[in-house]
PDB file of N, CA and C in Angstrom:
ATOM      1  N   MET A   1      13.322  12.670 -16.299  1.00  0.00           N
ATOM      2  CA  MET A   1      13.809  11.309 -16.176  1.00  0.00           C
ATOM      3  C   MET A   1      13.369  10.679 -14.853  1.00  0.00           C
ATOM      4  N   VAL A   2      13.384  11.456 -13.792  1.00  0.00           N
ATOM      5  CA  VAL A   2      12.970  10.929 -12.494  1.00  0.00           C
ATOM      6  C   VAL A   2      11.517  10.490 -12.533  1.00  0.00           C
ATOM      7  N   GLU A   3      10.674  11.285 -13.209  1.00  0.00           N
ATOM      8  CA  GLU A   3       9.259  10.934 -13.296  1.00  0.00           C
ATOM      9  C   GLU A   3       9.075   9.579 -13.973  1.00  0.00           C
ATOM     10  N   MET A   4       9.802   9.311 -15.053  1.00  0.00           N
ATOM     11  CA  MET A   4       9.696   8.043 -15.765  1.00  0.00           C
ATOM     12  C   MET A   4      10.157   6.892 -14.873  1.00  0.00           C
ATOM     13  N   GLU A   5      11.233   7.086 -14.118  1.00  0.00           N
ATOM     14  CA  GLU A   5      11.698   6.050 -13.209  1.00  0.00           C
ATOM     15  C   GLU A   5      10.656   5.759 -12.136  1.00  0.00           C
ATOM     16  N   THR A   6      10.007   6.797 -11.629  1.00  0.00           N
ATOM     17  CA  THR A   6       8.973   6.624 -10.615  1.00  0.00           C
ATOM     18  C   THR A   6       7.811   5.821 -11.181  1.00  0.00           C
ATOM     19  N   LYS A   7       7.381   6.148 -12.407  1.00  0.00           N
ATOM     20  CA  LYS A   7       6.288   5.405 -13.034  1.00  0.00           C
ATOM     21  C   LYS A   7       6.660   3.941 -13.234  1.00  0.00           C
ATOM     22  N   GLU A   8       7.899   3.686 -13.648  1.00  0.00           N
ATOM     23  CA  GLU A   8       8.325   2.307 -13.853  1.00  0.00           C
ATOM     24  C   GLU A   8       8.297   1.524 -12.547  1.00  0.00           C
ATOM     25  N   LYS A   9       8.725   2.145 -11.450  1.00  0.00           N
ATOM     26  CA  LYS A   9       8.675   1.472 -10.149  1.00  0.00           C
ATOM     27  C   LYS A   9       7.238   1.170  -9.752  1.00  0.00           C
ATOM     28  N   CYS A  10       6.343   2.107  -9.998  1.00  0.00           N
ATOM     29  CA  CYS A  10       4.933   1.872  -9.689  1.00  0.00           C
ATOM     30  C   CYS A  10       4.382   0.726 -10.522  1.00  0.00           C
ATOM     31  N   LEU A  11       4.747   0.688 -11.785  1.00  0.00           N
ATOM     32  CA  LEU A  11       4.275  -0.387 -12.656  1.00  0.00           C
ATOM     33  C   LEU A  11       4.791  -1.735 -12.210  1.00  0.00           C
ATOM     34  N   ASP A  12       6.053  -1.775 -11.830  1.00  0.00           N
ATOM     35  CA  ASP A  12       6.625  -3.033 -11.375  1.00  0.00           C
ATOM     36  C   ASP A  12       5.914  -3.546 -10.124  1.00  0.00           C
ATOM     37  N   ALA A  13       5.447  -2.632  -9.296  1.00  0.00           N
ATOM     38  CA  ALA A  13       4.776  -3.019  -8.057  1.00  0.00           C
ATOM     39  C   ALA A  13       3.422  -3.658  -8.321  1.00  0.00           C
ATOM     40  N   LEU A  14       2.745  -3.233  -9.365  1.00  0.00           N
ATOM     41  CA  LEU A  14       1.410  -3.757  -9.680  1.00  0.00           C
ATOM     42  C   LEU A  14       1.335  -4.107 -11.153  1.00  0.00           C
ATOM     43  N   ASP A  15       1.683  -5.322 -11.488  1.00  0.00           N
ATOM     44  CA  ASP A  15       1.746  -5.744 -12.882  1.00  0.00           C
ATOM     45  C   ASP A  15       0.431  -5.589 -13.630  1.00  0.00           C
ATOM     46  N   PHE A  16      -0.689  -5.731 -12.928  1.00  0.00           N
ATOM     47  CA  PHE A  16      -1.976  -5.684 -13.620  1.00  0.00           C
ATOM     48  C   PHE A  16      -2.259  -4.316 -14.228  1.00  0.00           C
ATOM     49  N   MET A  17      -1.520  -3.300 -13.834  1.00  0.00           N
ATOM     50  CA  MET A  17      -1.745  -1.960 -14.380  1.00  0.00           C
ATOM     51  C   MET A  17      -0.855  -1.668 -15.585  1.00  0.00           C
ATOM     52  N   GLN A  18       0.008  -2.583 -15.972  1.00  0.00           N
ATOM     53  CA  GLN A  18       0.973  -2.284 -17.024  1.00  0.00           C
ATOM     54  C   GLN A  18       0.337  -2.128 -18.401  1.00  0.00           C
ATOM     55  N   ASP A  19      -0.755  -2.750 -18.658  1.00  0.00           N
ATOM     56  CA  ASP A  19      -1.350  -2.725 -19.985  1.00  0.00           C
ATOM     57  C   ASP A  19      -2.841  -2.419 -19.844  1.00  0.00           C
ATOM     58  N   TRP A  20      -3.267  -1.289 -20.386  1.00  0.00           N
ATOM     59  CA  TRP A  20      -4.648  -0.838 -20.225  1.00  0.00           C
ATOM     60  C   TRP A  20      -5.645  -1.866 -20.757  1.00  0.00           C
ATOM     61  N   ASP A  21      -5.375  -2.441 -21.936  1.00  0.00           N
ATOM     62  CA  ASP A  21      -6.307  -3.409 -22.522  1.00  0.00           C
ATOM     63  C   ASP A  21      -6.437  -4.657 -21.651  1.00  0.00           C
ATOM     64  N   THR A  22      -5.308  -5.146 -21.144  1.00  0.00           N
ATOM     65  CA  THR A  22      -5.342  -6.314 -20.260  1.00  0.00           C
ATOM     66  C   THR A  22      -6.083  -5.987 -18.979  1.00  0.00           C
ATOM     67  N   TYR A  23      -5.823  -4.810 -18.443  1.00  0.00           N
ATOM     68  CA  TYR A  23      -6.487  -4.376 -17.205  1.00  0.00           C
ATOM     69  C   TYR A  23      -8.005  -4.337 -17.385  1.00  0.00           C
ATOM     70  N   THR A  24      -8.484  -3.715 -18.469  1.00  0.00           N
ATOM     71  CA  THR A  24      -9.931  -3.638 -18.670  1.00  0.00           C
ATOM     72  C   THR A  24     -10.531  -5.015 -18.948  1.00  0.00           C
ATOM     73  N   GLU A  25      -9.794  -5.866 -19.650  1.00  0.00           N
ATOM     74  CA  GLU A  25     -10.294  -7.220 -19.902  1.00  0.00           C
ATOM     75  C   GLU A  25     -10.383  -8.009 -18.591  1.00  0.00           C
ATOM     76  N   THR A  26      -9.400  -7.825 -17.720  1.00  0.00           N
ATOM     77  CA  THR A  26      -9.417  -8.483 -16.418  1.00  0.00           C
ATOM     78  C   THR A  26     -10.606  -8.011 -15.591  1.00  0.00           C
ATOM     79  N   LEU A  27     -10.878  -6.713 -15.624  1.00  0.00           N
ATOM     80  CA  LEU A  27     -12.048  -6.185 -14.920  1.00  0.00           C
ATOM     81  C   LEU A  27     -13.336  -6.771 -15.478  1.00  0.00           C
ATOM     82  N   LYS A  28     -13.411  -6.848 -16.789  1.00  0.00           N
ATOM     83  CA  LYS A  28     -14.605  -7.400 -17.430  1.00  0.00           C
ATOM     84  C   LYS A  28     -14.839  -8.841 -16.975  1.00  0.00           C
ATOM     85  N   GLU A  29     -13.770  -9.628 -16.936  1.00  0.00           N
ATOM     86  CA  GLU A  29     -13.878 -11.011 -16.471  1.00  0.00           C
ATOM     87  C   GLU A  29     -14.298 -11.058 -15.006  1.00  0.00           C
ATOM     88  N   GLY A  30     -13.751 -10.149 -14.198  1.00  0.00           N
ATOM     89  CA  GLY A  30     -14.111 -10.093 -12.783  1.00  0.00           C
ATOM     90  C   GLY A  30     -15.579  -9.784 -12.580  1.00  0.00           C
ATOM     91  N   VAL A  31     -16.118  -8.885 -13.383  1.00  0.00           N
ATOM     92  CA  VAL A  31     -17.538  -8.541 -13.303  1.00  0.00           C
ATOM     93  C   VAL A  31     -18.384  -9.754 -13.674  1.00  0.00           C
ATOM     94  N   GLN A  32     -17.986 -10.456 -14.718  1.00  0.00           N
ATOM     95  CA  GLN A  32     -18.740 -11.640 -15.134  1.00  0.00           C
ATOM     96  C   GLN A  32     -18.748 -12.711 -14.037  1.00  0.00           C
ATOM     97  N   VAL A  33     -17.604 -12.922 -13.396  1.00  0.00           N
ATOM     98  CA  VAL A  33     -17.521 -13.909 -12.305  1.00  0.00           C
ATOM     99  C   VAL A  33     -18.396 -13.471 -11.138  1.00  0.00           C
ATOM    100  N   ALA A  34     -18.347 -12.182 -10.800  1.00  0.00           N
ATOM    101  CA  ALA A  34     -19.167 -11.674  -9.691  1.00  0.00           C
ATOM    102  C   ALA A  34     -20.651 -11.898  -9.977  1.00  0.00           C
ATOM    103  N   LYS A  35     -21.056 -11.688 -11.217  1.00  0.00           N
ATOM    104  CA  LYS A  35     -22.457 -11.921 -11.588  1.00  0.00           C
ATOM    105  C   LYS A  35     -22.819 -13.398 -11.471  1.00  0.00           C
ATOM    106  N   GLU A  36     -21.868 -14.270 -11.845  1.00  0.00           N
ATOM    107  CA  GLU A  36     -22.108 -15.707 -11.724  1.00  0.00           C
ATOM    108  C   GLU A  36     -22.306 -16.120 -10.267  1.00  0.00           C
ATOM    109  N   PHE A  37     -21.663 -15.393  -9.343  1.00  0.00           N
ATOM    110  CA  PHE A  37     -21.812 -15.664  -7.921  1.00  0.00           C
ATOM    111  C   PHE A  37     -23.048 -15.005  -7.336  1.00  0.00           C
ATOM    112  N   GLY A  38     -23.796 -14.296  -8.183  1.00  0.00           N
ATOM    113  CA  GLY A  38     -25.061 -13.731  -7.746  1.00  0.00           C
ATOM    114  C   GLY A  38     -25.019 -12.291  -7.268  1.00  0.00           C
ATOM    115  N   LEU A  39     -23.888 -11.613  -7.408  1.00  0.00           N
ATOM    116  CA  LEU A  39     -23.833 -10.206  -7.023  1.00  0.00           C
ATOM    117  C   LEU A  39     -24.618  -9.373  -8.032  1.00  0.00           C
ATOM    118  N   THR A  40     -25.327  -8.388  -7.522  1.00  0.00           N
ATOM    119  CA  THR A  40     -26.075  -7.492  -8.402  1.00  0.00           C
ATOM    120  C   THR A  40     -25.120  -6.454  -8.980  1.00  0.00           C
ATOM    121  N   ASP A  41     -25.568  -5.775 -10.028  1.00  0.00           N
ATOM    122  CA  ASP A  41     -24.758  -4.708 -10.615  1.00  0.00           C
ATOM    123  C   ASP A  41     -24.440  -3.641  -9.573  1.00  0.00           C
ATOM    124  N   GLU A  42     -25.419  -3.326  -8.740  1.00  0.00           N
ATOM    125  CA  GLU A  42     -25.217  -2.310  -7.697  1.00  0.00           C
ATOM    126  C   GLU A  42     -24.140  -2.750  -6.700  1.00  0.00           C
ATOM    127  N   GLU A  43     -24.176  -4.026  -6.291  1.00  0.00           N
ATOM    128  CA  GLU A  43     -23.160  -4.532  -5.362  1.00  0.00           C
ATOM    129  C   GLU A  43     -21.772  -4.511  -5.991  1.00  0.00           C
ATOM    130  N   ILE A  44     -21.691  -4.880  -7.245  1.00  0.00           N
ATOM    131  CA  ILE A  44     -20.410  -4.874  -7.958  1.00  0.00           C
ATOM    132  C   ILE A  44     -19.881  -3.448  -8.061  1.00  0.00           C
ATOM    133  N   GLU A  45     -20.753  -2.502  -8.366  1.00  0.00           N
ATOM    134  CA  GLU A  45     -20.329  -1.111  -8.476  1.00  0.00           C
ATOM    135  C   GLU A  45     -19.871  -0.560  -7.134  1.00  0.00           C
ATOM    136  N   GLU A  46     -20.529  -0.950  -6.039  1.00  0.00           N
ATOM    137  CA  GLU A  46     -20.114  -0.490  -4.714  1.00  0.00           C
ATOM    138  C   GLU A  46     -18.705  -0.986  -4.378  1.00  0.00           C
ATOM    139  N   VAL A  47     -18.450  -2.254  -4.650  1.00  0.00           N
ATOM    140  CA  VAL A  47     -17.112  -2.806  -4.413  1.00  0.00           C
ATOM    141  C   VAL A  47     -16.100  -2.103  -5.311  1.00  0.00           C
ATOM    142  N   SER A  48     -16.492  -1.861  -6.532  1.00  0.00           N
ATOM    143  CA  SER A  48     -15.594  -1.212  -7.488  1.00  0.00           C
ATOM    144  C   SER A  48     -15.255   0.210  -7.080  1.00  0.00           C
ATOM    145  N   GLU A  49     -16.217   0.911  -6.491  1.00  0.00           N
ATOM    146  CA  GLU A  49     -15.945   2.263  -6.004  1.00  0.00           C
ATOM    147  C   GLU A  49     -14.879   2.219  -4.912  1.00  0.00           C
ATOM    148  N   SER A  50     -14.981   1.269  -4.026  1.00  0.00           N
ATOM    149  CA  SER A  50     -13.977   1.132  -2.967  1.00  0.00           C
ATOM    150  C   SER A  50     -12.607   0.813  -3.553  1.00  0.00           C
ATOM    151  N   PHE A  51     -12.593  -0.061  -4.549  1.00  0.00           N
ATOM    152  CA  PHE A  51     -11.333  -0.414  -5.196  1.00  0.00           C
ATOM    153  C   PHE A  51     -10.758   0.787  -5.940  1.00  0.00           C
ATOM    154  N   ALA A  52     -11.606   1.558  -6.591  1.00  0.00           N
ATOM    155  CA  ALA A  52     -11.140   2.753  -7.295  1.00  0.00           C
ATOM    156  C   ALA A  52     -10.563   3.770  -6.318  1.00  0.00           C
ATOM    157  N   ASP A  53     -11.161   3.873  -5.124  1.00  0.00           N
ATOM    158  CA  ASP A  53     -10.585   4.740  -4.085  1.00  0.00           C
ATOM    159  C   ASP A  53      -9.159   4.307  -3.777  1.00  0.00           C
ATOM    160  N   PHE A  54      -8.981   3.008  -3.595  1.00  0.00           N
ATOM    161  CA  PHE A  54      -7.646   2.473  -3.311  1.00  0.00           C
ATOM    162  C   PHE A  54      -6.688   2.788  -4.455  1.00  0.00           C
ATOM    163  N   LEU A  55      -7.098   2.493  -5.680  1.00  0.00           N
ATOM    164  CA  LEU A  55      -6.220   2.722  -6.823  1.00  0.00           C
ATOM    165  C   LEU A  55      -5.844   4.192  -6.967  1.00  0.00           C
ATOM    166  N   SER A  56      -6.811   5.079  -6.777  1.00  0.00           N
ATOM    167  CA  SER A  56      -6.528   6.499  -6.967  1.00  0.00           C
ATOM    168  C   SER A  56      -5.557   7.035  -5.920  1.00  0.00           C
ATOM    169  N   GLU A  57      -5.522   6.405  -4.760  1.00  0.00           N
ATOM    170  CA  GLU A  57      -4.624   6.851  -3.695  1.00  0.00           C
ATOM    171  C   GLU A  57      -3.271   6.147  -3.731  1.00  0.00           C
ATOM    172  N   LYS A  58      -3.222   4.902  -4.155  1.00  0.00           N
ATOM    173  CA  LYS A  58      -2.009   4.095  -3.997  1.00  0.00           C
ATOM    174  C   LYS A  58      -1.259   3.772  -5.279  1.00  0.00           C
ATOM    175  N   VAL A  59      -1.910   3.866  -6.440  1.00  0.00           N
ATOM    176  CA  VAL A  59      -1.275   3.450  -7.679  1.00  0.00           C
ATOM    177  C   VAL A  59      -0.930   4.669  -8.531  1.00  0.00           C
ATOM    178  N   CYS A  60       0.287   4.675  -9.028  1.00  0.00           N
ATOM    179  CA  CYS A  60       0.721   5.772  -9.899  1.00  0.00           C
ATOM    180  C   CYS A  60       0.143   5.553 -11.291  1.00  0.00           C
ATOM    181  N   PRO A  61      -0.469   6.570 -11.874  1.00  0.00           N
ATOM    182  CA  PRO A  61      -0.984   6.406 -13.236  1.00  0.00           C
ATOM    183  C   PRO A  61       0.169   6.283 -14.219  1.00  0.00           C
ATOM    184  N   ALA A  62       0.093   5.308 -15.097  1.00  0.00           N
ATOM    185  CA  ALA A  62       1.173   5.067 -16.050  1.00  0.00           C
ATOM    186  C   ALA A  62       0.736   5.273 -17.495  1.00  0.00           C
ATOM    187  N   THR A  63      -0.555   5.382 -17.715  1.00  0.00           N
ATOM    188  CA  THR A  63      -1.059   5.629 -19.066  1.00  0.00           C
ATOM    189  C   THR A  63      -1.916   6.887 -19.015  1.00  0.00           C
ATOM    190  N   PRO A  64      -2.154   7.500 -20.171  1.00  0.00           N
ATOM    191  CA  PRO A  64      -3.037   8.676 -20.185  1.00  0.00           C
ATOM    192  C   PRO A  64      -4.424   8.366 -19.645  1.00  0.00           C
ATOM    193  N   GLU A  65      -4.934   7.156 -19.924  1.00  0.00           N
ATOM    194  CA  GLU A  65      -6.258   6.775 -19.437  1.00  0.00           C
ATOM    195  C   GLU A  65      -6.287   6.699 -17.911  1.00  0.00           C
ATOM    196  N   GLU A  66      -5.256   6.088 -17.339  1.00  0.00           N
ATOM    197  CA  GLU A  66      -5.193   5.973 -15.888  1.00  0.00           C
ATOM    198  C   GLU A  66      -5.055   7.341 -15.234  1.00  0.00           C
ATOM    199  N   GLU A  67      -4.263   8.206 -15.846  1.00  0.00           N
ATOM    200  CA  GLU A  67      -4.081   9.545 -15.290  1.00  0.00           C
ATOM    201  C   GLU A  67      -5.386  10.337 -15.340  1.00  0.00           C
ATOM    202  N   LEU A  68      -6.104  10.229 -16.452  1.00  0.00           N
ATOM    203  CA  LEU A  68      -7.390  10.923 -16.579  1.00  0.00           C
ATOM    204  C   LEU A  68      -8.379  10.407 -15.543  1.00  0.00           C
ATOM    205  N   LEU A  69      -8.482   9.090 -15.400  1.00  0.00           N
ATOM    206  CA  LEU A  69      -9.396   8.516 -14.405  1.00  0.00           C
ATOM    207  C   LEU A  69      -9.031   8.960 -13.001  1.00  0.00           C
ATOM    208  N   LYS A  70      -7.748   8.967 -12.690  1.00  0.00           N
ATOM    209  CA  LYS A  70      -7.310   9.380 -11.354  1.00  0.00           C
ATOM    210  C   LYS A  70      -7.661  10.841 -11.109  1.00  0.00           C
ATOM    211  N   ASP A  71      -7.415  11.699 -12.103  1.00  0.00           N
ATOM    212  CA  ASP A  71      -7.737  13.124 -11.960  1.00  0.00           C
ATOM    213  C   ASP A  71      -9.237  13.345 -11.798  1.00  0.00           C
ATOM    214  N   MET A  72     -10.041  12.633 -12.588  1.00  0.00           N
ATOM    215  CA  MET A  72     -11.491  12.778 -12.481  1.00  0.00           C
ATOM    216  C   MET A  72     -11.981  12.276 -11.128  1.00  0.00           C
ATOM    217  N   TRP A  73     -11.435  11.150 -10.675  1.00  0.00           N
ATOM    218  CA  TRP A  73     -11.833  10.571  -9.392  1.00  0.00           C
ATOM    219  C   TRP A  73     -11.520  11.524  -8.248  1.00  0.00           C
ATOM    220  N   ALA A  74     -10.392  12.206  -8.349  1.00  0.00           N
ATOM    221  CA  ALA A  74      -9.941  13.098  -7.269  1.00  0.00           C
ATOM    222  C   ALA A  74     -10.886  14.281  -7.053  1.00  0.00           C
ATOM    223  N   VAL A  75     -11.538  14.751  -8.100  1.00  0.00           N
ATOM    224  CA  VAL A  75     -12.403  15.926  -7.969  1.00  0.00           C
ATOM    225  C   VAL A  75     -13.886  15.572  -7.910  1.00  0.00           C
ATOM    226  N   ALA A  76     -14.215  14.294  -8.088  1.00  0.00           N
ATOM    227  CA  ALA A  76     -15.616  13.866  -8.114  1.00  0.00           C
ATOM    228  C   ALA A  76     -16.177  13.715  -6.701  1.00  0.00           C
ATOM    229  N   ASP A  77     -17.457  14.063  -6.554  1.00  0.00           N
ATOM    230  CA  ASP A  77     -18.126  13.789  -5.281  1.00  0.00           C
ATOM    231  C   ASP A  77     -18.678  12.354  -5.336  1.00  0.00           C
ATOM    232  N   LYS A  78     -19.336  11.910  -4.268  1.00  0.00           N
ATOM    233  CA  LYS A  78     -19.807  10.518  -4.182  1.00  0.00           C
ATOM    234  C   LYS A  78     -20.740  10.151  -5.343  1.00  0.00           C
ATOM    235  N   GLY A  79     -21.671  11.023  -5.672  1.00  0.00           N
ATOM    236  CA  GLY A  79     -22.587  10.748  -6.774  1.00  0.00           C
ATOM    237  C   GLY A  79     -21.877  10.671  -8.112  1.00  0.00           C
ATOM    238  N   GLU A  80     -20.919  11.556  -8.303  1.00  0.00           N
ATOM    239  CA  GLU A  80     -20.155  11.546  -9.549  1.00  0.00           C
ATOM    240  C   GLU A  80     -19.281  10.297  -9.644  1.00  0.00           C
ATOM    241  N   ARG A  81     -18.730   9.868  -8.513  1.00  0.00           N
ATOM    242  CA  ARG A  81     -17.925   8.645  -8.513  1.00  0.00           C
ATOM    243  C   ARG A  81     -18.780   7.435  -8.869  1.00  0.00           C
ATOM    244  N   LYS A  82     -20.000   7.419  -8.360  1.00  0.00           N
ATOM    245  CA  LYS A  82     -20.923   6.325  -8.700  1.00  0.00           C
ATOM    246  C   LYS A  82     -21.214   6.342 -10.206  1.00  0.00           C
ATOM    247  N   ALA A  83     -21.415   7.537 -10.751  1.00  0.00           N
ATOM    248  CA  ALA A  83     -21.676   7.661 -12.188  1.00  0.00           C
ATOM    249  C   ALA A  83     -20.450   7.236 -13.007  1.00  0.00           C
ATOM    250  N   LEU A  84     -19.260   7.641 -12.578  1.00  0.00           N
ATOM    251  CA  LEU A  84     -18.039   7.240 -13.279  1.00  0.00           C
ATOM    252  C   LEU A  84     -17.888   5.724 -13.280  1.00  0.00           C
ATOM    253  N   THR A  85     -18.162   5.101 -12.149  1.00  0.00           N
ATOM    254  CA  THR A  85     -18.065   3.646 -12.048  1.00  0.00           C
ATOM    255  C   THR A  85     -19.055   2.984 -12.997  1.00  0.00           C
ATOM    256  N   SER A  86     -20.269   3.493 -13.028  1.00  0.00           N
ATOM    257  CA  SER A  86     -21.293   2.941 -13.905  1.00  0.00           C
ATOM    258  C   SER A  86     -20.897   3.080 -15.373  1.00  0.00           C
ATOM    259  N   VAL A  87     -20.406   4.235 -15.748  1.00  0.00           N
ATOM    260  CA  VAL A  87     -19.979   4.466 -17.136  1.00  0.00           C
ATOM    261  C   VAL A  87     -18.812   3.549 -17.489  1.00  0.00           C
ATOM    262  N   PHE A  88     -17.863   3.414 -16.571  1.00  0.00           N
ATOM    263  CA  PHE A  88     -16.711   2.569 -16.827  1.00  0.00           C
ATOM    264  C   PHE A  88     -17.145   1.128 -17.073  1.00  0.00           C
ATOM    265  N   PHE A  89     -18.086   0.631 -16.260  1.00  0.00           N
ATOM    266  CA  PHE A  89     -18.568  -0.737 -16.463  1.00  0.00           C
ATOM    267  C   PHE A  89     -19.284  -0.881 -17.799  1.00  0.00           C
ATOM    268  N   LYS A  90     -20.033   0.125 -18.191  1.00  0.00           N
ATOM    269  CA  LYS A  90     -20.691   0.062 -19.501  1.00  0.00           C
ATOM    270  C   LYS A  90     -19.656  -0.007 -20.612  1.00  0.00           C
ATOM    271  N   MET A  91     -18.542   0.719 -20.448  1.00  0.00           N
ATOM    272  CA  MET A  91     -17.478   0.701 -21.451  1.00  0.00           C
ATOM    273  C   MET A  91     -16.849  -0.681 -21.566  1.00  0.00           C
ATOM    274  N   ILE A  92     -16.529  -1.306 -20.414  1.00  0.00           N
ATOM    275  CA  ILE A  92     -15.848  -2.607 -20.501  1.00  0.00           C
ATOM    276  C   ILE A  92     -16.785  -3.724 -20.930  1.00  0.00           C
ATOM    277  N   GLU A  93     -18.070  -3.593 -20.617  1.00  0.00           N
ATOM    278  CA  GLU A  93     -19.020  -4.620 -21.058  1.00  0.00           C
ATOM    279  C   GLU A  93     -19.285  -4.518 -22.553  1.00  0.00           C
ATOM    280  N   LYS A  94     -19.119  -3.328 -23.113  1.00  0.00           N
ATOM    281  CA  LYS A  94     -19.338  -3.106 -24.541  1.00  0.00           C
ATOM    282  C   LYS A  94     -18.247  -3.778 -25.387  1.00  0.00           C
ATOM    283  N   GLU A  95     -17.041  -3.831 -24.852  1.00  0.00           N
ATOM    284  CA  GLU A  95     -15.898  -4.369 -25.613  1.00  0.00           C
ATOM    285  C   GLU A  95     -16.025  -5.829 -25.909  1.00  0.00           C
TER     286      GLU A  95
END
């Protein structure tokens, strides 16, 4: 029960993480806007890696997808993190 309460508090702190589909759609829109401003895919991925570092350290995973990403991020080296970011962007652009 304590674990569920902790997850709920984490979710309340960051509303954008409450719904996986909304979160990925928001990311997809963010990537499109960044491209409109002239950022390259590489620049977007670099910023995203930094953001993923923040999320993996500060945000409690509330869905199985978030927990899996956090676990993979925690054990990945820099090259693997770059690959994960690239794959993730391919997934959201496909939707």
